[in-house]
PDB file of N, CA and C in Angstrom:
ATOM      1  N   MET A   1       0.851  -1.173   0.000  1.00  0.00           N
ATOM      2  CA  MET A   1       0.000   0.000   0.000  1.00  0.00           C
ATOM      3  C   MET A   1       0.895   1.232   0.000  1.00  0.00           C
ATOM      4  N   GLU A   2       0.525   2.206  -0.792  1.00  0.00           N
ATOM      5  CA  GLU A   2       1.323   3.408  -0.904  1.00  0.00           C
ATOM      6  C   GLU A   2       1.180   4.306   0.323  1.00  0.00           C
ATOM      7  N   LYS A   3       2.212   5.102   0.539  1.00  0.00           N
ATOM      8  CA  LYS A   3       2.174   6.063   1.634  1.00  0.00           C
ATOM      9  C   LYS A   3       1.509   7.334   1.125  1.00  0.00           C
ATOM     10  N   TYR A   4       0.653   7.901   1.951  1.00  0.00           N
ATOM     11  CA  TYR A   4      -0.078   9.108   1.569  1.00  0.00           C
ATOM     12  C   TYR A   4      -0.012  10.095   2.711  1.00  0.00           C
ATOM     13  N   THR A   5       0.268  11.325   2.410  1.00  0.00           N
ATOM     14  CA  THR A   5       0.409  12.333   3.461  1.00  0.00           C
ATOM     15  C   THR A   5      -0.663  13.413   3.383  1.00  0.00           C
ATOM     16  N   GLY A   6      -1.743  13.151   2.658  1.00  0.00           N
ATOM     17  CA  GLY A   6      -2.825  14.118   2.531  1.00  0.00           C
ATOM     18  C   GLY A   6      -3.742  14.103   3.746  1.00  0.00           C
ATOM     19  N   PHE A   7      -4.845  14.802   3.607  1.00  0.00           N
ATOM     20  CA  PHE A   7      -5.795  14.942   4.694  1.00  0.00           C
ATOM     21  C   PHE A   7      -7.159  14.403   4.293  1.00  0.00           C
ATOM     22  N   SER A   8      -7.970  14.104   5.300  1.00  0.00           N
ATOM     23  CA  SER A   8      -9.334  13.649   5.070  1.00  0.00           C
ATOM     24  C   SER A   8     -10.245  14.293   6.091  1.00  0.00           C
ATOM     25  N   GLY A   9     -11.438  14.652   5.649  1.00  0.00           N
ATOM     26  CA  GLY A   9     -12.436  15.169   6.570  1.00  0.00           C
ATOM     27  C   GLY A   9     -13.015  14.071   7.445  1.00  0.00           C
ATOM     28  N   HIS A  10     -12.663  12.834   7.141  1.00  0.00           N
ATOM     29  CA  HIS A  10     -13.170  11.678   7.883  1.00  0.00           C
ATOM     30  C   HIS A  10     -12.033  10.862   8.490  1.00  0.00           C
ATOM     31  N   ALA A  11     -10.966  11.528   8.869  1.00  0.00           N
ATOM     32  CA  ALA A  11      -9.771  10.847   9.343  1.00  0.00           C
ATOM     33  C   ALA A  11     -10.032   9.945  10.550  1.00  0.00           C
ATOM     34  N   SER A  12     -10.998  10.297  11.390  1.00  0.00           N
ATOM     35  CA  SER A  12     -11.267   9.467  12.566  1.00  0.00           C
ATOM     36  C   SER A  12     -11.765   8.075  12.167  1.00  0.00           C
ATOM     37  N   LEU A  13     -12.306   7.935  10.966  1.00  0.00           N
ATOM     38  CA  LEU A  13     -12.767   6.628  10.509  1.00  0.00           C
ATOM     39  C   LEU A  13     -11.617   5.710  10.114  1.00  0.00           C
ATOM     40  N   ALA A  14     -10.415   6.249  10.016  1.00  0.00           N
ATOM     41  CA  ALA A  14      -9.264   5.418   9.682  1.00  0.00           C
ATOM     42  C   ALA A  14      -9.079   4.308  10.711  1.00  0.00           C
ATOM     43  N   THR A  15      -9.438   4.573  11.950  1.00  0.00           N
ATOM     44  CA  THR A  15      -9.313   3.532  12.975  1.00  0.00           C
ATOM     45  C   THR A  15     -10.246   2.358  12.693  1.00  0.00           C
ATOM     46  N   VAL A  16     -11.398   2.633  12.091  1.00  0.00           N
ATOM     47  CA  VAL A  16     -12.318   1.557  11.710  1.00  0.00           C
ATOM     48  C   VAL A  16     -11.666   0.699  10.634  1.00  0.00           C
ATOM     49  N   GLY A  17     -11.040   1.338   9.653  1.00  0.00           N
ATOM     50  CA  GLY A  17     -10.341   0.603   8.609  1.00  0.00           C
ATOM     51  C   GLY A  17      -9.230  -0.258   9.171  1.00  0.00           C
ATOM     52  N   MET A  18      -8.472   0.283  10.113  1.00  0.00           N
ATOM     53  CA  MET A  18      -7.385  -0.490  10.731  1.00  0.00           C
ATOM     54  C   MET A  18      -7.943  -1.661  11.542  1.00  0.00           C
ATOM     55  N   TRP A  19      -9.045  -1.426  12.266  1.00  0.00           N
ATOM     56  CA  TRP A  19      -9.666  -2.503  13.045  1.00  0.00           C
ATOM     57  C   TRP A  19     -10.152  -3.619  12.117  1.00  0.00           C
ATOM     58  N   MET A  20     -10.758  -3.236  10.994  1.00  0.00           N
ATOM     59  CA  MET A  20     -11.246  -4.241  10.045  1.00  0.00           C
ATOM     60  C   MET A  20     -10.087  -5.060   9.485  1.00  0.00           C
ATOM     61  N   LYS A  21      -8.961  -4.402   9.219  1.00  0.00           N
ATOM     62  CA  LYS A  21      -7.782  -5.127   8.725  1.00  0.00           C
ATOM     63  C   LYS A  21      -7.260  -6.071   9.807  1.00  0.00           C
ATOM     64  N   GLU A  22      -7.101  -5.556  11.018  1.00  0.00           N
ATOM     65  CA  GLU A  22      -6.570  -6.345  12.130  1.00  0.00           C
ATOM     66  C   GLU A  22      -7.417  -7.581  12.401  1.00  0.00           C
ATOM     67  N   ASN A  23      -8.723  -7.459  12.259  1.00  0.00           N
ATOM     68  CA  ASN A  23      -9.632  -8.568  12.533  1.00  0.00           C
ATOM     69  C   ASN A  23     -10.033  -9.347  11.275  1.00  0.00           C
ATOM     70  N   GLN A  24      -9.356  -9.057  10.179  1.00  0.00           N
ATOM     71  CA  GLN A  24      -9.530  -9.786   8.918  1.00  0.00           C
ATOM     72  C   GLN A  24     -10.987  -9.847   8.457  1.00  0.00           C
ATOM     73  N   ILE A  25     -11.712  -8.763   8.674  1.00  0.00           N
ATOM     74  CA  ILE A  25     -13.124  -8.714   8.303  1.00  0.00           C
ATOM     75  C   ILE A  25     -13.297  -8.923   6.802  1.00  0.00           C
ATOM     76  N   TRP A  26     -12.545  -8.165   5.991  1.00  0.00           N
ATOM     77  CA  TRP A  26     -12.727  -8.286   4.541  1.00  0.00           C
ATOM     78  C   TRP A  26     -12.177  -9.592   4.003  1.00  0.00           C
ATOM     79  N   ASP A  27     -11.188 -10.168   4.658  1.00  0.00           N
ATOM     80  CA  ASP A  27     -10.699 -11.489   4.241  1.00  0.00           C
ATOM     81  C   ASP A  27     -11.826 -12.511   4.370  1.00  0.00           C
ATOM     82  N   ARG A  28     -12.564 -12.435   5.475  1.00  0.00           N
ATOM     83  CA  ARG A  28     -13.688 -13.368   5.682  1.00  0.00           C
ATOM     84  C   ARG A  28     -14.799 -13.116   4.666  1.00  0.00           C
ATOM     85  N   ILE A  29     -15.077 -11.858   4.400  1.00  0.00           N
ATOM     86  CA  ILE A  29     -16.120 -11.530   3.430  1.00  0.00           C
ATOM     87  C   ILE A  29     -15.720 -12.030   2.045  1.00  0.00           C
ATOM     88  N   GLU A  30     -14.484 -11.761   1.630  1.00  0.00           N
ATOM     89  CA  GLU A  30     -14.025 -12.206   0.318  1.00  0.00           C
ATOM     90  C   GLU A  30     -14.039 -13.727   0.191  1.00  0.00           C
ATOM     91  N   ALA A  31     -13.785 -14.428   1.285  1.00  0.00           N
ATOM     92  CA  ALA A  31     -13.781 -15.890   1.250  1.00  0.00           C
ATOM     93  C   ALA A  31     -15.196 -16.458   1.142  1.00  0.00           C
ATOM     94  N   ARG A  32     -16.189 -15.749   1.658  1.00  0.00           N
ATOM     95  CA  ARG A  32     -17.558 -16.287   1.711  1.00  0.00           C
ATOM     96  C   ARG A  32     -18.520 -15.730   0.685  1.00  0.00           C
ATOM     97  N   VAL A  33     -18.362 -14.476   0.316  1.00  0.00           N
ATOM     98  CA  VAL A  33     -19.340 -13.826  -0.551  1.00  0.00           C
ATOM     99  C   VAL A  33     -18.895 -13.952  -2.007  1.00  0.00           C
ATOM    100  N   GLN A  34     -19.717 -14.594  -2.800  1.00  0.00           N
ATOM    101  CA  GLN A  34     -19.415 -14.817  -4.214  1.00  0.00           C
ATOM    102  C   GLN A  34     -20.523 -14.212  -5.073  1.00  0.00           C
ATOM    103  N   ILE A  35     -20.371 -12.957  -5.456  1.00  0.00           N
ATOM    104  CA  ILE A  35     -21.347 -12.276  -6.307  1.00  0.00           C
ATOM    105  C   ILE A  35     -20.974 -12.584  -7.756  1.00  0.00           C
ATOM    106  N   ALA A  36     -21.936 -13.103  -8.499  1.00  0.00           N
ATOM    107  CA  ALA A  36     -21.696 -13.501  -9.890  1.00  0.00           C
ATOM    108  C   ALA A  36     -21.605 -12.266 -10.773  1.00  0.00           C
ATOM    109  N   GLN A  37     -20.393 -11.770 -10.923  1.00  0.00           N
ATOM    110  CA  GLN A  37     -20.175 -10.576 -11.728  1.00  0.00           C
ATOM    111  C   GLN A  37     -18.727 -10.599 -12.203  1.00  0.00           C
ATOM    112  N   LYS A  38     -18.511 -10.277 -13.470  1.00  0.00           N
ATOM    113  CA  LYS A  38     -17.139 -10.264 -13.967  1.00  0.00           C
ATOM    114  C   LYS A  38     -16.380  -9.087 -13.371  1.00  0.00           C
ATOM    115  N   VAL A  39     -15.078  -9.278 -13.238  1.00  0.00           N
ATOM    116  CA  VAL A  39     -14.226  -8.251 -12.658  1.00  0.00           C
ATOM    117  C   VAL A  39     -13.447  -7.581 -13.775  1.00  0.00           C
ATOM    118  N   ILE A  40     -13.628  -6.273 -13.890  1.00  0.00           N
ATOM    119  CA  ILE A  40     -12.863  -5.513 -14.866  1.00  0.00           C
ATOM    120  C   ILE A  40     -11.746  -4.758 -14.154  1.00  0.00           C
ATOM    121  N   LYS A  41     -12.098  -3.969 -13.159  1.00  0.00           N
ATOM    122  CA  LYS A  41     -11.101  -3.196 -12.415  1.00  0.00           C
ATOM    123  C   LYS A  41     -11.196  -3.453 -10.909  1.00  0.00           C
ATOM    124  N   HIS A  42     -12.402  -3.543 -10.383  1.00  0.00           N
ATOM    125  CA  HIS A  42     -12.621  -3.734  -8.948  1.00  0.00           C
ATOM    126  C   HIS A  42     -13.463  -4.992  -8.747  1.00  0.00           C
ATOM    127  N   THR A  43     -13.121  -5.777  -7.731  1.00  0.00           N
ATOM    128  CA  THR A  43     -13.923  -6.961  -7.430  1.00  0.00           C
ATOM    129  C   THR A  43     -15.247  -6.532  -6.806  1.00  0.00           C
ATOM    130  N   PRO A  44     -16.244  -7.425  -6.829  1.00  0.00           N
ATOM    131  CA  PRO A  44     -17.506  -7.079  -6.163  1.00  0.00           C
ATOM    132  C   PRO A  44     -17.313  -6.725  -4.680  1.00  0.00           C
ATOM    133  N   THR A  45     -16.427  -7.433  -3.984  1.00  0.00           N
ATOM    134  CA  THR A  45     -16.231  -7.104  -2.567  1.00  0.00           C
ATOM    135  C   THR A  45     -15.496  -5.776  -2.400  1.00  0.00           C
ATOM    136  N   ASP A  46     -14.635  -5.416  -3.350  1.00  0.00           N
ATOM    137  CA  ASP A  46     -14.015  -4.083  -3.314  1.00  0.00           C
ATOM    138  C   ASP A  46     -15.094  -3.008  -3.415  1.00  0.00           C
ATOM    139  N   LYS A  47     -16.064  -3.233  -4.286  1.00  0.00           N
ATOM    140  CA  LYS A  47     -17.148  -2.259  -4.456  1.00  0.00           C
ATOM    141  C   LYS A  47     -18.018  -2.184  -3.202  1.00  0.00           C
ATOM    142  N   MET A  48     -18.205  -3.322  -2.538  1.00  0.00           N
ATOM    143  CA  MET A  48     -18.958  -3.314  -1.283  1.00  0.00           C
ATOM    144  C   MET A  48     -18.193  -2.523  -0.214  1.00  0.00           C
ATOM    145  N   LYS A  49     -16.876  -2.660  -0.233  1.00  0.00           N
ATOM    146  CA  LYS A  49     -16.052  -1.901   0.707  1.00  0.00           C
ATOM    147  C   LYS A  49     -16.175  -0.408   0.427  1.00  0.00           C
ATOM    148  N   ASP A  50     -16.141  -0.026  -0.843  1.00  0.00           N
ATOM    149  CA  ASP A  50     -16.297   1.389  -1.197  1.00  0.00           C
ATOM    150  C   ASP A  50     -17.648   1.921  -0.729  1.00  0.00           C
ATOM    151  N   LEU A  51     -18.672   1.115  -0.882  1.00  0.00           N
ATOM    152  CA  LEU A  51     -19.998   1.530  -0.423  1.00  0.00           C
ATOM    153  C   LEU A  51     -20.026   1.680   1.099  1.00  0.00           C
ATOM    154  N   LEU A  52     -19.400   0.752   1.815  1.00  0.00           N
ATOM    155  CA  LEU A  52     -19.338   0.859   3.278  1.00  0.00           C
ATOM    156  C   LEU A  52     -18.586   2.120   3.701  1.00  0.00           C
ATOM    157  N   ILE A  53     -17.477   2.403   3.043  1.00  0.00           N
ATOM    158  CA  ILE A  53     -16.723   3.615   3.367  1.00  0.00           C
ATOM    159  C   ILE A  53     -17.604   4.844   3.163  1.00  0.00           C
ATOM    160  N   ASN A  54     -18.372   4.842   2.089  1.00  0.00           N
ATOM    161  CA  ASN A  54     -19.292   5.948   1.818  1.00  0.00           C
ATOM    162  C   ASN A  54     -20.315   6.094   2.940  1.00  0.00           C
ATOM    163  N   ILE A  55     -20.893   4.989   3.370  1.00  0.00           N
ATOM    164  CA  ILE A  55     -21.891   5.029   4.445  1.00  0.00           C
ATOM    165  C   ILE A  55     -21.259   5.527   5.745  1.00  0.00           C
ATOM    166  N   LEU A  56     -20.095   4.974   6.089  1.00  0.00           N
ATOM    167  CA  LEU A  56     -19.416   5.399   7.320  1.00  0.00           C
ATOM    168  C   LEU A  56     -19.020   6.875   7.263  1.00  0.00           C
ATOM    169  N   GLY A  57     -18.736   7.357   6.053  1.00  0.00           N
ATOM    170  CA  GLY A  57     -18.352   8.749   5.871  1.00  0.00           C
ATOM    171  C   GLY A  57     -19.532   9.707   5.790  1.00  0.00           C
ATOM    172  N   GLY A  58     -20.741   9.194   6.011  1.00  0.00           N
ATOM    173  CA  GLY A  58     -21.923  10.044   6.041  1.00  0.00           C
ATOM    174  C   GLY A  58     -22.740  10.055   4.766  1.00  0.00           C
ATOM    175  N   GLY A  59     -22.372   9.233   3.799  1.00  0.00           N
ATOM    176  CA  GLY A  59     -23.128   9.172   2.551  1.00  0.00           C
ATOM    177  C   GLY A  59     -24.511   8.588   2.771  1.00  0.00           C
ATOM    178  N   HIS A  60     -25.491   9.148   2.082  1.00  0.00           N
ATOM    179  CA  HIS A  60     -26.869   8.683   2.209  1.00  0.00           C
ATOM    180  C   HIS A  60     -27.320   7.875   1.009  1.00  0.00           C
ATOM    181  N   GLY A  61     -26.466   7.761   0.008  1.00  0.00           N
ATOM    182  CA  GLY A  61     -26.817   6.997  -1.176  1.00  0.00           C
ATOM    183  C   GLY A  61     -25.589   6.735  -2.023  1.00  0.00           C
ATOM    184  N   ILE A  62     -25.727   5.784  -2.938  1.00  0.00           N
ATOM    185  CA  ILE A  62     -24.618   5.430  -3.813  1.00  0.00           C
ATOM    186  C   ILE A  62     -24.181   6.638  -4.635  1.00  0.00           C
ATOM    187  N   VAL A  63     -25.120   7.492  -4.955  1.00  0.00           N
ATOM    188  CA  VAL A  63     -24.833   8.657  -5.782  1.00  0.00           C
ATOM    189  C   VAL A  63     -23.746   9.549  -5.172  1.00  0.00           C
ATOM    190  N   GLU A  64     -23.511   9.445  -3.881  1.00  0.00           N
ATOM    191  CA  GLU A  64     -22.521  10.291  -3.209  1.00  0.00           C
ATOM    192  C   GLU A  64     -21.102   9.734  -3.268  1.00  0.00           C
ATOM    193  N   VAL A  65     -20.923   8.500  -3.726  1.00  0.00           N
ATOM    194  CA  VAL A  65     -19.601   7.871  -3.728  1.00  0.00           C
ATOM    195  C   VAL A  65     -18.580   8.694  -4.507  1.00  0.00           C
ATOM    196  N   ASN A  66     -18.933   9.140  -5.700  1.00  0.00           N
ATOM    197  CA  ASN A  66     -17.960   9.860  -6.538  1.00  0.00           C
ATOM    198  C   ASN A  66     -17.461  11.149  -5.896  1.00  0.00           C
ATOM    199  N   ASN A  67     -18.332  11.854  -5.197  1.00  0.00           N
ATOM    200  CA  ASN A  67     -17.940  13.135  -4.608  1.00  0.00           C
ATOM    201  C   ASN A  67     -17.488  13.028  -3.156  1.00  0.00           C
ATOM    202  N   ARG A  68     -17.707  11.895  -2.533  1.00  0.00           N
ATOM    203  CA  ARG A  68     -17.355  11.745  -1.132  1.00  0.00           C
ATOM    204  C   ARG A  68     -16.131  10.842  -0.941  1.00  0.00           C
ATOM    205  N   ILE A  69     -16.082   9.704  -1.599  1.00  0.00           N
ATOM    206  CA  ILE A  69     -15.015   8.733  -1.369  1.00  0.00           C
ATOM    207  C   ILE A  69     -13.973   8.722  -2.486  1.00  0.00           C
ATOM    208  N   ARG A  70     -14.394   8.821  -3.727  1.00  0.00           N
ATOM    209  CA  ARG A  70     -13.422   8.802  -4.838  1.00  0.00           C
ATOM    210  C   ARG A  70     -12.432   9.950  -4.741  1.00  0.00           C
ATOM    211  N   VAL A  71     -12.811  11.039  -4.117  1.00  0.00           N
ATOM    212  CA  VAL A  71     -11.925  12.203  -3.996  1.00  0.00           C
ATOM    213  C   VAL A  71     -11.139  12.198  -2.683  1.00  0.00           C
ATOM    214  N   ASP A  72     -11.397  11.241  -1.817  1.00  0.00           N
ATOM    215  CA  ASP A  72     -10.766  11.188  -0.494  1.00  0.00           C
ATOM    216  C   ASP A  72      -9.759  10.038  -0.451  1.00  0.00           C
ATOM    217  N   LYS A  73      -8.576  10.294  -0.989  1.00  0.00           N
ATOM    218  CA  LYS A  73      -7.527   9.268  -1.087  1.00  0.00           C
ATOM    219  C   LYS A  73      -7.144   8.722   0.287  1.00  0.00           C
ATOM    220  N   ALA A  74      -7.113   9.571   1.301  1.00  0.00           N
ATOM    221  CA  ALA A  74      -6.738   9.125   2.652  1.00  0.00           C
ATOM    222  C   ALA A  74      -7.722   8.075   3.173  1.00  0.00           C
ATOM    223  N   MET A  75      -9.016   8.286   2.940  1.00  0.00           N
ATOM    224  CA  MET A  75     -10.004   7.295   3.381  1.00  0.00           C
ATOM    225  C   MET A  75      -9.845   5.990   2.623  1.00  0.00           C
ATOM    226  N   GLN A  76      -9.608   6.079   1.329  1.00  0.00           N
ATOM    227  CA  GLN A  76      -9.412   4.860   0.541  1.00  0.00           C
ATOM    228  C   GLN A  76      -8.255   4.044   1.105  1.00  0.00           C
ATOM    229  N   LEU A  77      -7.145   4.703   1.362  1.00  0.00           N
ATOM    230  CA  LEU A  77      -5.968   4.007   1.872  1.00  0.00           C
ATOM    231  C   LEU A  77      -6.186   3.448   3.274  1.00  0.00           C
ATOM    232  N   ALA A  78      -6.950   4.152   4.099  1.00  0.00           N
ATOM    233  CA  ALA A  78      -7.231   3.669   5.458  1.00  0.00           C
ATOM    234  C   ALA A  78      -7.984   2.342   5.430  1.00  0.00           C
ATOM    235  N   PHE A  79      -8.729   2.102   4.362  1.00  0.00           N
ATOM    236  CA  PHE A  79      -9.479   0.858   4.214  1.00  0.00           C
ATOM    237  C   PHE A  79      -8.826  -0.065   3.188  1.00  0.00           C
ATOM    238  N   GLU A  80      -7.530   0.141   2.966  1.00  0.00           N
ATOM    239  CA  GLU A  80      -6.738  -0.693   2.058  1.00  0.00           C
ATOM    240  C   GLU A  80      -7.255  -0.682   0.618  1.00  0.00           C
ATOM    241  N   ARG A  81      -7.693   0.469   0.167  1.00  0.00           N
ATOM    242  CA  ARG A  81      -8.132   0.634  -1.222  1.00  0.00           C
ATOM    243  C   ARG A  81      -7.185   1.631  -1.883  1.00  0.00           C
ATOM    244  N   SER A  82      -6.674   1.299  -3.049  1.00  0.00           N
ATOM    245  CA  SER A  82      -5.789   2.222  -3.762  1.00  0.00           C
ATOM    246  C   SER A  82      -6.584   3.120  -4.708  1.00  0.00           C
ATOM    247  N   ALA A  83      -7.842   2.773  -4.923  1.00  0.00           N
ATOM    248  CA  ALA A  83      -8.748   3.559  -5.764  1.00  0.00           C
ATOM    249  C   ALA A  83     -10.169   3.205  -5.351  1.00  0.00           C
ATOM    250  N   CYS A  84     -11.112   3.989  -5.803  1.00  0.00           N
ATOM    251  CA  CYS A  84     -12.519   3.755  -5.474  1.00  0.00           C
ATOM    252  C   CYS A  84     -13.291   3.486  -6.758  1.00  0.00           C
ATOM    253  N   ALA A  85     -14.167   2.512  -6.711  1.00  0.00           N
ATOM    254  CA  ALA A  85     -15.003   2.202  -7.871  1.00  0.00           C
ATOM    255  C   ALA A  85     -15.957   3.355  -8.159  1.00  0.00           C
ATOM    256  N   GLU A  86     -16.355   3.484  -9.403  1.00  0.00           N
ATOM    257  CA  GLU A  86     -17.310   4.505  -9.823  1.00  0.00           C
ATOM    258  C   GLU A  86     -18.689   4.119  -9.296  1.00  0.00           C
ATOM    259  N   GLN A  87     -19.486   5.097  -8.946  1.00  0.00           N
ATOM    260  CA  GLN A  87     -20.782   4.826  -8.317  1.00  0.00           C
ATOM    261  C   GLN A  87     -21.679   3.941  -9.171  1.00  0.00           C
ATOM    262  N   SER A  88     -21.633   4.064 -10.483  1.00  0.00           N
ATOM    263  CA  SER A  88     -22.507   3.238 -11.325  1.00  0.00           C
ATOM    264  C   SER A  88     -22.112   1.765 -11.276  1.00  0.00           C
ATOM    265  N   THR A  89     -20.804   1.475 -11.131  1.00  0.00           N
ATOM    266  CA  THR A  89     -20.398   0.067 -11.049  1.00  0.00           C
ATOM    267  C   THR A  89     -20.753  -0.526  -9.684  1.00  0.00           C
ATOM    268  N   ILE A  90     -20.765   0.307  -8.651  1.00  0.00           N
ATOM    269  CA  ILE A  90     -21.216  -0.159  -7.333  1.00  0.00           C
ATOM    270  C   ILE A  90     -22.698  -0.505  -7.411  1.00  0.00           C
ATOM    271  N   SER A  91     -23.462   0.328  -8.080  1.00  0.00           N
ATOM    272  CA  SER A  91     -24.887   0.068  -8.255  1.00  0.00           C
ATOM    273  C   SER A  91     -25.115  -1.233  -9.026  1.00  0.00           C
ATOM    274  N   GLU A  92     -24.321  -1.472 -10.059  1.00  0.00           N
ATOM    275  CA  GLU A  92     -24.435  -2.716 -10.832  1.00  0.00           C
ATOM    276  C   GLU A  92     -24.152  -3.934  -9.958  1.00  0.00           C
ATOM    277  N   THR A  93     -23.192  -3.812  -9.062  1.00  0.00           N
ATOM    278  CA  THR A  93     -22.875  -4.924  -8.158  1.00  0.00           C
ATOM    279  C   THR A  93     -24.030  -5.198  -7.205  1.00  0.00           C
ATOM    280  N   LEU A  94     -24.637  -4.148  -6.680  1.00  0.00           N
ATOM    281  CA  LEU A  94     -25.805  -4.349  -5.818  1.00  0.00           C
ATOM    282  C   LEU A  94     -26.934  -5.015  -6.582  1.00  0.00           C
ATOM    283  N   ASN A  95     -27.131  -4.618  -7.830  1.00  0.00           N
ATOM    284  CA  ASN A  95     -28.168  -5.227  -8.659  1.00  0.00           C
ATOM    285  C   ASN A  95     -27.871  -6.694  -8.957  1.00  0.00           C
ATOM    286  N   ALA A  96     -26.592  -7.058  -9.038  1.00  0.00           N
ATOM    287  CA  ALA A  96     -26.202  -8.434  -9.323  1.00  0.00           C
ATOM    288  C   ALA A  96     -26.257  -9.318  -8.072  1.00  0.00           C
ATOM    289  N   SER A  97     -26.368  -8.708  -6.909  1.00  0.00           N
ATOM    290  CA  SER A  97     -26.389  -9.462  -5.656  1.00  0.00           C
ATOM    291  C   SER A  97     -27.720 -10.175  -5.467  1.00  0.00           C
ATOM    292  N   THR A  98     -27.649 -11.327  -4.844  1.00  0.00           N
ATOM    293  CA  THR A  98     -28.840 -12.136  -4.581  1.00  0.00           C
ATOM    294  C   THR A  98     -29.101 -12.207  -3.085  1.00  0.00           C
ATOM    295  N   GLY A  99     -30.232 -12.790  -2.742  1.00  0.00           N
ATOM    296  CA  GLY A  99     -30.530 -13.023  -1.331  1.00  0.00           C
ATOM    297  C   GLY A  99     -29.487 -13.922  -0.693  1.00  0.00           C
ATOM    298  N   GLU A 100     -28.980 -14.864  -1.460  1.00  0.00           N
ATOM    299  CA  GLU A 100     -27.922 -15.745  -0.945  1.00  0.00           C
ATOM    300  C   GLU A 100     -26.661 -14.949  -0.626  1.00  0.00           C
ATOM    301  N   ASN A 101     -26.335 -13.960  -1.457  1.00  0.00           N
ATOM    302  CA  ASN A 101     -25.174 -13.110  -1.185  1.00  0.00           C
ATOM    303  C   ASN A 101     -25.341 -12.336   0.111  1.00  0.00           C
ATOM    304  N   VAL A 102     -26.553 -11.887   0.386  1.00  0.00           N
ATOM    305  CA  VAL A 102     -26.828 -11.174   1.635  1.00  0.00           C
ATOM    306  C   VAL A 102     -26.583 -12.101   2.820  1.00  0.00           C
ATOM    307  N   LEU A 103     -27.035 -13.336   2.713  1.00  0.00           N
ATOM    308  CA  LEU A 103     -26.803 -14.316   3.780  1.00  0.00           C
ATOM    309  C   LEU A 103     -25.318 -14.635   3.925  1.00  0.00           C
ATOM    310  N   GLU A 104     -24.602 -14.737   2.807  1.00  0.00           N
ATOM    311  CA  GLU A 104     -23.156 -14.974   2.861  1.00  0.00           C
ATOM    312  C   GLU A 104     -22.457 -13.814   3.572  1.00  0.00           C
ATOM    313  N   PHE A 105     -22.856 -12.607   3.230  1.00  0.00           N
ATOM    314  CA  PHE A 105     -22.266 -11.402   3.821  1.00  0.00           C
ATOM    315  C   PHE A 105     -22.527 -11.380   5.328  1.00  0.00           C
ATOM    316  N   ALA A 106     -23.768 -11.636   5.709  1.00  0.00           N
ATOM    317  CA  ALA A 106     -24.121 -11.641   7.132  1.00  0.00           C
ATOM    318  C   ALA A 106     -23.357 -12.736   7.864  1.00  0.00           C
ATOM    319  N   GLY A 107     -23.237 -13.904   7.252  1.00  0.00           N
ATOM    320  CA  GLY A 107     -22.489 -14.997   7.871  1.00  0.00           C
ATOM    321  C   GLY A 107     -21.037 -14.630   8.104  1.00  0.00           C
ATOM    322  N   ALA A 108     -20.443 -13.907   7.148  1.00  0.00           N
ATOM    323  CA  ALA A 108     -19.054 -13.491   7.293  1.00  0.00           C
ATOM    324  C   ALA A 108     -18.909 -12.444   8.389  1.00  0.00           C
ATOM    325  N   LEU A 109     -19.872 -11.552   8.495  1.00  0.00           N
ATOM    326  CA  LEU A 109     -19.784 -10.496   9.500  1.00  0.00           C
ATOM    327  C   LEU A 109     -20.056 -10.999  10.913  1.00  0.00           C
ATOM    328  N   PHE A 110     -20.992 -11.928  11.021  1.00  0.00           N
ATOM    329  CA  PHE A 110     -21.420 -12.343  12.347  1.00  0.00           C
ATOM    330  C   PHE A 110     -20.763 -13.624  12.842  1.00  0.00           C
ATOM    331  N   SER A 111     -19.855 -14.195  12.041  1.00  0.00           N
ATOM    332  CA  SER A 111     -19.111 -15.359  12.533  1.00  0.00           C
ATOM    333  C   SER A 111     -18.132 -14.856  13.586  1.00  0.00           C
ATOM    334  N   PRO A 112     -17.786 -15.700  14.522  1.00  0.00           N
ATOM    335  CA  PRO A 112     -16.849 -15.261  15.578  1.00  0.00           C
ATOM    336  C   PRO A 112     -15.530 -14.776  14.974  1.00  0.00           C
ATOM    337  N   LEU A 113     -14.974 -13.729  15.552  1.00  0.00           N
ATOM    338  CA  LEU A 113     -13.692 -13.233  15.097  1.00  0.00           C
ATOM    339  C   LEU A 113     -12.627 -14.286  15.327  1.00  0.00           C
ATOM    340  N   ARG A 114     -11.713 -14.426  14.367  1.00  0.00           N
ATOM    341  CA  ARG A 114     -10.643 -15.415  14.498  1.00  0.00           C
ATOM    342  C   ARG A 114      -9.790 -15.104  15.715  1.00  0.00           C
ATOM    343  N   GLY A 115      -9.441 -16.145  16.420  1.00  0.00           N
ATOM    344  CA  GLY A 115      -8.533 -15.981  17.561  1.00  0.00           C
ATOM    345  C   GLY A 115      -9.196 -15.428  18.801  1.00  0.00           C
ATOM    346  N   ARG A 116     -10.519 -15.319  18.790  1.00  0.00           N
ATOM    347  CA  ARG A 116     -11.221 -14.781  19.969  1.00  0.00           C
ATOM    348  C   ARG A 116     -12.256 -15.744  20.437  1.00  0.00           C
TER     349      ARG A 116
END
């Protein structure tokens, strides 16, 4: 991951990104959630991460991703993202998701943390 010395209006959320990395949250999600969608630049779980960052950063809809997260390099890096997916591709991923994907996602989030 590249070093970045810029600023973010949501810098306090960086601790959430570090906690998620430390507890391997996205590793568990990537291992369990299989959204049937081809990958061009960002994986479906990368797009879900971008959407979560948007929500944590105060976004009220997918439409805010481009102006809230894509322009905030510090937030992207705090959540181990080197770039942010475009809002329309995030929307396509949500549309491609099934009820089974929701259950997979919930199972990954609510399974006991490793080592605890």
